[in-house]
Each structure stands twice: as structure tokens, then as C-alpha cells.
Amino acid sequence: MTDRTLTPGSPTALADDIRDYQYAILQTRVERIPKLVRGLACQEPDGCTKTATLATLAIEETATDDDTLGLYLVKKNGLPACIVTCAEHRNEASHDLYRDLTGRMRPAGIRAFDLPGQHINWT
């Protein structure tokens, strides 16, 4: 996987992006999502055949309960809206997901967050 620069941020930054851009974008390693099928191919439309290592999701709301961050993932057809890609196509995935949800190009100021060490539950 290519190197990524992690910019630590508070849960407030997620809420700021939701307020400013309607959604916050989350990218995390596929193994941090227990119910996600492993071994899926990269979903880059240009036909990449690499195994997907990253999941890109959209968050529409956050909640904090007892200092625990809760995420409300955007859902389509009852399942979280998710694009899985190889590391090489992670940037395109965040743009594609935002465009799919809003019909607009992803704004330059919106970030792609990661939650290192934390697992995401589909429910």
C-alpha cells in the first residue's frame, strides 16, 4: 500500500465537514469493517484488477455518547454507501462517492478521514 499522511483531528472536524459539505468522507482499511466481504476487486471504473484494500464511506451525522464517537453512515438500498478500492485509486473513490451522493464535484476543502485502530459496524 502506498504511504498515506494521517492528519489527526477531533470528531469536531467530521461534524464541520458535514455542516459545510453535507457529508464527511471516511476511508479506512477493509479489515476494519467486519461484515465487508474480503477479497473484492478494486471498484475503479477503468477496470483495475487489484484487490481492494480501502473502503470509502460517507458519514451524514455524528453523535458522541460517553466520549464514544458514533457515526451515521449514508445508506443506499439499506446498506452503507461504500466504494472499495486499491490504495492507488483511493483519491478517485472519495471523489466518485461524493459525486454519486450529491451530483456535484467534491469540494477542494473536504477531507478524507481515517479512524486508525477502530472498527466500523455496518448496523
Protein backbone atom coordinates (compact mmCIF):
# COMPACT_ATOMS: atom_id res chain seq x y z
CA MET A 1 0.00 0.00 0.00
CA THR A 2 1.27 3.47 -0.77
CA ASP A 3 2.12 5.79 2.12
CA ARG A 4 -0.66 7.98 3.47
CA THR A 5 -0.32 11.05 5.63
CA LEU A 6 -2.57 10.86 8.66
CA THR A 7 -3.75 14.21 9.92
CA PRO A 8 -5.12 13.70 13.42
CA GLY A 9 -8.35 15.50 14.06
CA SER A 10 -11.09 15.70 16.59
CA PRO A 11 -14.64 14.44 15.99
CA THR A 12 -15.49 18.11 15.58
CA ALA A 13 -13.70 18.08 12.21
CA LEU A 14 -16.12 15.39 10.96
CA ALA A 15 -19.09 17.49 12.07
CA ASP A 16 -17.54 20.55 10.40
CA ASP A 17 -17.33 18.76 7.05
CA ILE A 18 -20.92 17.52 7.38
CA ARG A 19 -22.07 21.07 8.12
CA ASP A 20 -20.01 22.61 5.31
CA TYR A 21 -20.32 19.92 2.62
CA GLN A 22 -23.36 17.78 3.59
CA TYR A 23 -21.15 14.70 4.16
CA ALA A 24 -17.84 13.72 5.69
CA ILE A 25 -15.77 11.18 3.77
CA LEU A 26 -14.20 8.27 5.64
CA GLN A 27 -11.55 5.99 4.20
CA THR A 28 -10.38 3.02 6.20
CA ARG A 29 -8.79 -0.36 5.60
CA VAL A 30 -11.29 -3.05 4.61
CA GLU A 31 -10.32 -5.30 7.53
CA ARG A 32 -11.68 -2.67 9.92
CA ILE A 33 -15.19 -3.43 8.66
CA PRO A 34 -16.00 -6.91 9.94
CA LYS A 35 -19.04 -7.55 7.71
CA LEU A 36 -17.38 -6.38 4.48
CA VAL A 37 -16.54 -9.23 2.12
CA ARG A 38 -12.79 -9.73 1.83
CA GLY A 39 -11.03 -10.20 -1.48
CA LEU A 40 -13.24 -7.87 -3.51
CA ALA A 41 -11.65 -6.33 -6.60
CA CYS A 42 -10.96 -2.60 -6.80
CA GLN A 43 -14.11 -0.80 -7.98
CA GLU A 44 -12.27 1.80 -10.06
CA PRO A 45 -14.42 2.15 -13.22
CA ASP A 46 -11.37 2.00 -15.51
CA GLY A 47 -11.04 -1.72 -14.78
CA CYS A 48 -8.38 -2.12 -12.10
CA THR A 49 -7.86 -5.79 -11.21
CA LYS A 50 -6.04 -5.32 -7.88
CA THR A 51 -7.59 -6.49 -4.62
CA ALA A 52 -9.37 -3.73 -2.72
CA THR A 53 -7.62 -2.68 0.48
CA LEU A 54 -9.55 0.50 1.34
CA ALA A 55 -13.23 1.26 1.88
CA THR A 56 -14.59 4.76 1.24
CA LEU A 57 -17.80 5.65 3.07
CA ALA A 58 -19.85 8.79 3.63
CA ILE A 59 -20.97 10.00 7.04
CA GLU A 60 -24.13 12.07 7.30
CA GLU A 61 -24.18 12.65 11.06
CA THR A 62 -22.12 12.08 14.19
CA ALA A 63 -23.09 11.56 17.80
CA THR A 64 -20.96 11.48 20.93
CA ASP A 65 -22.10 9.37 23.85
CA ASP A 66 -19.90 8.94 26.93
CA ASP A 67 -16.89 10.17 24.92
CA THR A 68 -17.53 7.50 22.27
CA LEU A 69 -17.93 8.72 18.70
CA GLY A 70 -20.92 7.36 16.80
CA LEU A 71 -21.13 7.59 13.03
CA TYR A 72 -24.27 7.57 10.93
CA LEU A 73 -23.23 6.17 7.57
CA VAL A 74 -25.06 7.16 4.40
CA LYS A 75 -27.09 4.18 3.17
CA LYS A 76 -28.32 3.20 -0.26
CA ASN A 77 -30.83 0.34 -0.54
CA GLY A 78 -30.42 -0.33 3.19
CA LEU A 79 -26.63 -0.83 3.05
CA PRO A 80 -23.89 1.72 3.69
CA ALA A 81 -22.81 3.54 0.54
CA CYS A 82 -19.31 2.18 0.07
CA ILE A 83 -16.67 2.09 -2.64
CA VAL A 84 -13.79 -0.33 -2.18
CA THR A 85 -10.52 0.32 -3.97
CA CYS A 86 -6.86 -0.46 -4.02
CA ALA A 87 -4.57 2.16 -2.45
CA GLU A 88 -3.73 3.60 -5.86
CA HIS A 89 -7.35 4.62 -6.53
CA ARG A 90 -8.34 5.90 -3.08
CA ASN A 91 -8.43 9.53 -4.19
CA GLU A 92 -10.79 8.78 -7.08
CA ALA A 93 -13.09 6.82 -4.74
CA SER A 94 -13.65 9.80 -2.45
CA HIS A 95 -14.47 11.99 -5.44
CA ASP A 96 -16.73 9.35 -7.01
CA LEU A 97 -18.68 8.72 -3.79
CA TYR A 98 -19.25 12.43 -3.15
CA ARG A 99 -20.39 12.95 -6.76
CA ASP A 100 -22.71 9.90 -6.58
CA LEU A 101 -24.37 11.27 -3.44
CA THR A 102 -24.64 14.96 -4.36
CA GLY A 103 -24.37 15.22 -8.13
CA ARG A 104 -21.54 17.72 -7.58
CA MET A 105 -17.78 17.52 -7.76
CA ARG A 106 -16.06 17.02 -4.41
CA PRO A 107 -15.07 20.42 -2.94
CA ALA A 108 -11.38 21.13 -2.50
CA GLY A 109 -11.75 21.72 1.26
CA ILE A 110 -13.36 18.41 2.17
CA ARG A 111 -11.04 15.88 3.78
CA ALA A 112 -10.94 12.09 3.80
CA PHE A 113 -10.82 10.91 7.42
CA ASP A 114 -9.48 7.69 8.86
CA LEU A 115 -10.21 6.17 12.25
CA PRO A 116 -6.98 4.29 12.99
CA GLY A 117 -7.39 1.26 15.20
CA GLN A 118 -11.18 1.48 15.24
CA HIS A 119 -13.59 -0.93 13.60
CA ILE A 120 -16.82 0.09 11.88
CA ASN A 121 -20.02 -1.82 12.38
CA TRP A 122 -22.49 -1.91 9.48
CA THR A 123 -25.51 -1.65 11.79
